[in-house]
Amino acid sequence: MSWSATVAKTPVVEFPDAVRAARIDTTYASGSLAKQWNDQLHVAQDAALAVFESNAFGEGGSYSASFSGHANHNGDDETYAASEYVSITVNRHP
C-alpha cells in the first residue's frame, strides 16, 4: 500500500525541523502496515536531510520536499503488490 508526505516551501533555517515533523496519515492502515509506512518515512527523512546537509544546492533560499513509498504488507499478500520502494525529492528555491 502506498503512502506520501510533503514539506511545503520552507525557509532554509526551518527546513530540518519541517522534515522531521512530516507525518503520514495512517487512519486506514493496520498496525503492521502503519509501522512499515513510518519506518519507510523515517528512512526518507534521513535521506532528505543528508541531501540538504551536503550543501549540494548552495546556501540560502527556501526548500521543499516530497516523500513517497510502498509497503508490501510484510509480505503477507504477494498477489497484491509485493514490491516496495521509497522515493524522495528535495527542492531548493532561490
N, C-alpha and C. Protein backbone atom coordinates (compact mmCIF):
# COMPACT_ATOMS: atom_id res chain seq x y z
N MET A 1 0.84 -1.17 0.00
CA MET A 1 0.00 0.00 0.00
C MET A 1 0.89 1.24 0.00
N SER A 2 0.50 2.23 -0.76
CA SER A 2 1.33 3.42 -0.95
C SER A 2 1.07 4.48 0.11
N TRP A 3 2.08 5.33 0.31
CA TRP A 3 1.99 6.44 1.25
C TRP A 3 2.72 7.64 0.66
N SER A 4 2.45 8.82 1.19
CA SER A 4 3.20 10.01 0.79
C SER A 4 3.12 11.06 1.88
N ALA A 5 4.09 11.97 1.85
CA ALA A 5 4.13 13.10 2.78
C ALA A 5 4.89 14.23 2.08
N THR A 6 4.60 15.44 2.47
CA THR A 6 5.29 16.59 1.85
C THR A 6 5.72 17.60 2.90
N VAL A 7 6.72 18.36 2.52
CA VAL A 7 7.15 19.53 3.28
C VAL A 7 7.01 20.70 2.33
N ALA A 8 6.14 21.63 2.66
CA ALA A 8 5.91 22.80 1.82
C ALA A 8 7.15 23.69 1.80
N LYS A 9 7.19 24.62 0.87
CA LYS A 9 8.30 25.57 0.77
C LYS A 9 8.54 26.21 2.13
N THR A 10 9.77 26.04 2.63
CA THR A 10 10.12 26.40 4.00
C THR A 10 11.45 27.15 4.00
N PRO A 11 11.59 28.21 4.80
CA PRO A 11 12.89 28.88 4.90
C PRO A 11 13.99 27.90 5.29
N VAL A 12 15.19 28.13 4.77
CA VAL A 12 16.30 27.21 4.96
C VAL A 12 16.55 26.87 6.43
N VAL A 13 16.43 27.83 7.33
CA VAL A 13 16.72 27.57 8.74
C VAL A 13 15.67 26.69 9.41
N GLU A 14 14.47 26.62 8.83
CA GLU A 14 13.39 25.82 9.41
C GLU A 14 13.25 24.45 8.74
N PHE A 15 13.95 24.23 7.63
CA PHE A 15 13.76 23.02 6.84
C PHE A 15 14.05 21.72 7.61
N PRO A 16 15.17 21.60 8.33
CA PRO A 16 15.41 20.34 9.05
C PRO A 16 14.27 19.98 10.01
N ASP A 17 13.76 20.95 10.75
CA ASP A 17 12.65 20.67 11.67
C ASP A 17 11.39 20.30 10.92
N ALA A 18 11.15 20.94 9.78
CA ALA A 18 9.96 20.63 8.98
C ALA A 18 10.04 19.21 8.42
N VAL A 19 11.23 18.80 8.01
CA VAL A 19 11.41 17.43 7.52
C VAL A 19 11.12 16.43 8.63
N ARG A 20 11.67 16.68 9.80
CA ARG A 20 11.47 15.76 10.93
C ARG A 20 10.00 15.72 11.38
N ALA A 21 9.26 16.80 11.13
CA ALA A 21 7.86 16.88 11.55
C ALA A 21 6.90 16.25 10.55
N ALA A 22 7.35 15.91 9.36
CA ALA A 22 6.47 15.32 8.34
C ALA A 22 5.87 14.02 8.87
N ARG A 23 4.59 13.83 8.61
CA ARG A 23 3.88 12.64 9.08
C ARG A 23 3.02 12.06 7.96
N ILE A 24 2.66 10.79 8.15
CA ILE A 24 1.77 10.08 7.24
C ILE A 24 0.45 9.86 7.95
N ASP A 25 -0.65 10.06 7.23
CA ASP A 25 -1.97 9.77 7.78
C ASP A 25 -2.17 8.25 7.74
N THR A 26 -2.15 7.62 8.89
CA THR A 26 -2.28 6.16 8.97
C THR A 26 -3.69 5.72 9.39
N THR A 27 -4.66 6.61 9.20
CA THR A 27 -6.03 6.32 9.62
C THR A 27 -6.53 4.98 9.09
N TYR A 28 -6.23 4.68 7.83
CA TYR A 28 -6.79 3.48 7.19
C TYR A 28 -5.77 2.35 7.08
N ALA A 29 -4.70 2.42 7.84
CA ALA A 29 -3.67 1.38 7.79
C ALA A 29 -3.74 0.53 9.05
N SER A 30 -3.52 -0.78 8.86
CA SER A 30 -3.46 -1.67 10.02
C SER A 30 -2.19 -1.36 10.81
N GLY A 31 -2.08 -1.92 11.98
CA GLY A 31 -0.92 -1.66 12.85
C GLY A 31 0.40 -1.98 12.19
N SER A 32 0.52 -3.17 11.57
CA SER A 32 1.80 -3.54 10.96
C SER A 32 2.09 -2.71 9.71
N LEU A 33 1.05 -2.38 8.95
CA LEU A 33 1.24 -1.56 7.77
C LEU A 33 1.63 -0.13 8.16
N ALA A 34 0.99 0.41 9.17
CA ALA A 34 1.34 1.75 9.65
C ALA A 34 2.79 1.78 10.12
N LYS A 35 3.24 0.73 10.76
CA LYS A 35 4.64 0.67 11.20
C LYS A 35 5.57 0.65 10.00
N GLN A 36 5.26 -0.15 8.98
CA GLN A 36 6.09 -0.17 7.77
C GLN A 36 6.15 1.21 7.13
N TRP A 37 5.00 1.86 7.00
CA TRP A 37 4.97 3.20 6.41
C TRP A 37 5.87 4.14 7.19
N ASN A 38 5.73 4.14 8.51
CA ASN A 38 6.52 5.06 9.32
C ASN A 38 8.01 4.72 9.28
N ASP A 39 8.35 3.44 9.24
CA ASP A 39 9.76 3.05 9.08
C ASP A 39 10.32 3.59 7.78
N GLN A 40 9.54 3.45 6.70
CA GLN A 40 9.99 3.95 5.39
C GLN A 40 10.08 5.47 5.40
N LEU A 41 9.12 6.14 6.02
CA LEU A 41 9.17 7.61 6.10
C LEU A 41 10.43 8.06 6.83
N HIS A 42 10.78 7.40 7.92
CA HIS A 42 11.97 7.81 8.67
C HIS A 42 13.23 7.67 7.83
N VAL A 43 13.31 6.63 7.02
CA VAL A 43 14.45 6.47 6.11
C VAL A 43 14.45 7.60 5.07
N ALA A 44 13.28 7.93 4.54
CA ALA A 44 13.17 9.02 3.56
C ALA A 44 13.56 10.36 4.19
N GLN A 45 13.15 10.59 5.42
CA GLN A 45 13.52 11.83 6.11
C GLN A 45 15.04 11.90 6.30
N ASP A 46 15.65 10.81 6.70
CA ASP A 46 17.11 10.78 6.87
C ASP A 46 17.80 11.08 5.55
N ALA A 47 17.31 10.51 4.46
CA ALA A 47 17.91 10.74 3.14
C ALA A 47 17.76 12.19 2.72
N ALA A 48 16.59 12.78 2.94
CA ALA A 48 16.37 14.18 2.58
C ALA A 48 17.29 15.09 3.38
N LEU A 49 17.47 14.80 4.64
CA LEU A 49 18.37 15.61 5.47
C LEU A 49 19.82 15.44 5.04
N ALA A 50 20.19 14.24 4.61
CA ALA A 50 21.56 14.03 4.11
C ALA A 50 21.80 14.86 2.85
N VAL A 51 20.83 14.93 1.96
CA VAL A 51 20.96 15.76 0.75
C VAL A 51 21.08 17.23 1.16
N PHE A 52 20.19 17.67 2.04
CA PHE A 52 20.18 19.06 2.49
C PHE A 52 21.51 19.43 3.16
N GLU A 53 21.99 18.58 4.05
CA GLU A 53 23.20 18.87 4.82
C GLU A 53 24.48 18.77 3.98
N SER A 54 24.38 18.20 2.79
CA SER A 54 25.55 18.08 1.91
C SER A 54 25.92 19.40 1.26
N ASN A 55 25.03 20.39 1.34
CA ASN A 55 25.22 21.69 0.68
C ASN A 55 25.36 21.56 -0.83
N ALA A 56 24.78 20.53 -1.40
CA ALA A 56 24.85 20.29 -2.85
C ALA A 56 24.14 21.37 -3.64
N PHE A 57 23.23 22.11 -3.01
CA PHE A 57 22.45 23.12 -3.71
C PHE A 57 22.93 24.54 -3.43
N GLY A 58 23.93 24.71 -2.63
CA GLY A 58 24.33 26.06 -2.26
C GLY A 58 23.66 26.49 -0.97
N GLU A 59 23.77 27.76 -0.68
CA GLU A 59 23.26 28.27 0.59
C GLU A 59 22.06 29.18 0.39
N GLY A 60 21.29 29.33 1.46
CA GLY A 60 20.16 30.26 1.46
C GLY A 60 18.95 29.71 0.74
N GLY A 61 17.99 30.61 0.53
CA GLY A 61 16.77 30.23 -0.16
C GLY A 61 15.80 29.49 0.72
N SER A 62 14.87 28.83 0.07
CA SER A 62 13.88 28.01 0.74
C SER A 62 13.97 26.60 0.17
N TYR A 63 13.43 25.65 0.91
CA TYR A 63 13.45 24.26 0.48
C TYR A 63 12.07 23.65 0.61
N SER A 64 11.80 22.66 -0.21
CA SER A 64 10.61 21.83 -0.07
C SER A 64 11.03 20.38 -0.31
N ALA A 65 10.17 19.46 0.10
CA ALA A 65 10.49 18.05 -0.08
C ALA A 65 9.21 17.25 -0.25
N SER A 66 9.34 16.15 -0.94
CA SER A 66 8.24 15.19 -1.01
C SER A 66 8.81 13.80 -0.79
N PHE A 67 8.01 12.98 -0.15
CA PHE A 67 8.39 11.61 0.18
C PHE A 67 7.24 10.70 -0.26
N SER A 68 7.58 9.56 -0.80
CA SER A 68 6.55 8.57 -1.11
C SER A 68 7.15 7.19 -1.04
N GLY A 69 6.28 6.21 -0.94
CA GLY A 69 6.76 4.84 -0.88
C GLY A 69 5.63 3.84 -0.97
N HIS A 70 6.02 2.59 -0.94
CA HIS A 70 5.06 1.50 -0.98
C HIS A 70 5.55 0.39 -0.05
N ALA A 71 4.68 -0.04 0.82
CA ALA A 71 4.99 -1.14 1.73
C ALA A 71 4.24 -2.38 1.26
N ASN A 72 4.84 -3.54 1.43
CA ASN A 72 4.23 -4.76 0.90
C ASN A 72 3.50 -5.59 1.95
N HIS A 73 2.98 -4.97 2.98
CA HIS A 73 2.20 -5.67 4.00
C HIS A 73 3.02 -6.77 4.68
N ASN A 74 4.31 -6.53 4.86
CA ASN A 74 5.20 -7.53 5.47
C ASN A 74 5.22 -8.85 4.72
N GLY A 75 4.97 -8.77 3.40
CA GLY A 75 4.98 -9.97 2.59
C GLY A 75 3.75 -10.83 2.75
N ASP A 76 2.73 -10.34 3.48
CA ASP A 76 1.54 -11.14 3.74
C ASP A 76 0.69 -11.36 2.49
N ASP A 77 0.77 -10.46 1.53
CA ASP A 77 -0.09 -10.57 0.34
C ASP A 77 0.74 -10.34 -0.91
N GLU A 78 1.39 -11.38 -1.37
CA GLU A 78 2.25 -11.26 -2.53
C GLU A 78 1.46 -11.06 -3.81
N THR A 79 0.17 -11.36 -3.81
CA THR A 79 -0.64 -11.17 -5.01
C THR A 79 -1.04 -9.72 -5.19
N TYR A 80 -1.05 -8.93 -4.12
CA TYR A 80 -1.48 -7.53 -4.21
C TYR A 80 -0.41 -6.68 -4.88
N ALA A 81 0.69 -6.53 -4.25
CA ALA A 81 1.82 -5.76 -4.79
C ALA A 81 3.02 -6.04 -3.88
N ALA A 82 3.85 -6.95 -4.29
CA ALA A 82 4.95 -7.38 -3.43
C ALA A 82 6.11 -6.40 -3.42
N SER A 83 6.18 -5.52 -4.39
CA SER A 83 7.32 -4.60 -4.45
C SER A 83 7.23 -3.53 -3.38
N GLU A 84 8.39 -3.00 -3.03
CA GLU A 84 8.48 -1.90 -2.08
C GLU A 84 9.38 -0.83 -2.66
N TYR A 85 9.16 0.42 -2.30
CA TYR A 85 10.07 1.48 -2.70
C TYR A 85 9.94 2.67 -1.76
N VAL A 86 10.96 3.50 -1.77
CA VAL A 86 10.95 4.79 -1.08
C VAL A 86 11.54 5.79 -2.06
N SER A 87 10.89 6.93 -2.20
CA SER A 87 11.36 7.97 -3.10
C SER A 87 11.35 9.31 -2.38
N ILE A 88 12.39 10.11 -2.64
CA ILE A 88 12.43 11.46 -2.06
C ILE A 88 12.74 12.46 -3.15
N THR A 89 12.25 13.65 -2.97
CA THR A 89 12.61 14.79 -3.80
C THR A 89 12.89 15.96 -2.87
N VAL A 90 14.03 16.59 -3.06
CA VAL A 90 14.38 17.79 -2.30
C VAL A 90 14.58 18.92 -3.30
N ASN A 91 13.88 20.02 -3.09
CA ASN A 91 13.97 21.17 -3.99
C ASN A 91 14.51 22.38 -3.25
N ARG A 92 15.38 23.13 -3.91
CA ARG A 92 15.84 24.41 -3.37
C ARG A 92 15.22 25.51 -4.22
N HIS A 93 14.65 26.48 -3.56
CA HIS A 93 14.03 27.63 -4.22
C HIS A 93 14.85 28.86 -3.87
N PRO A 94 15.55 29.44 -4.86
CA PRO A 94 16.42 30.60 -4.56
C PRO A 94 15.66 31.80 -4.00
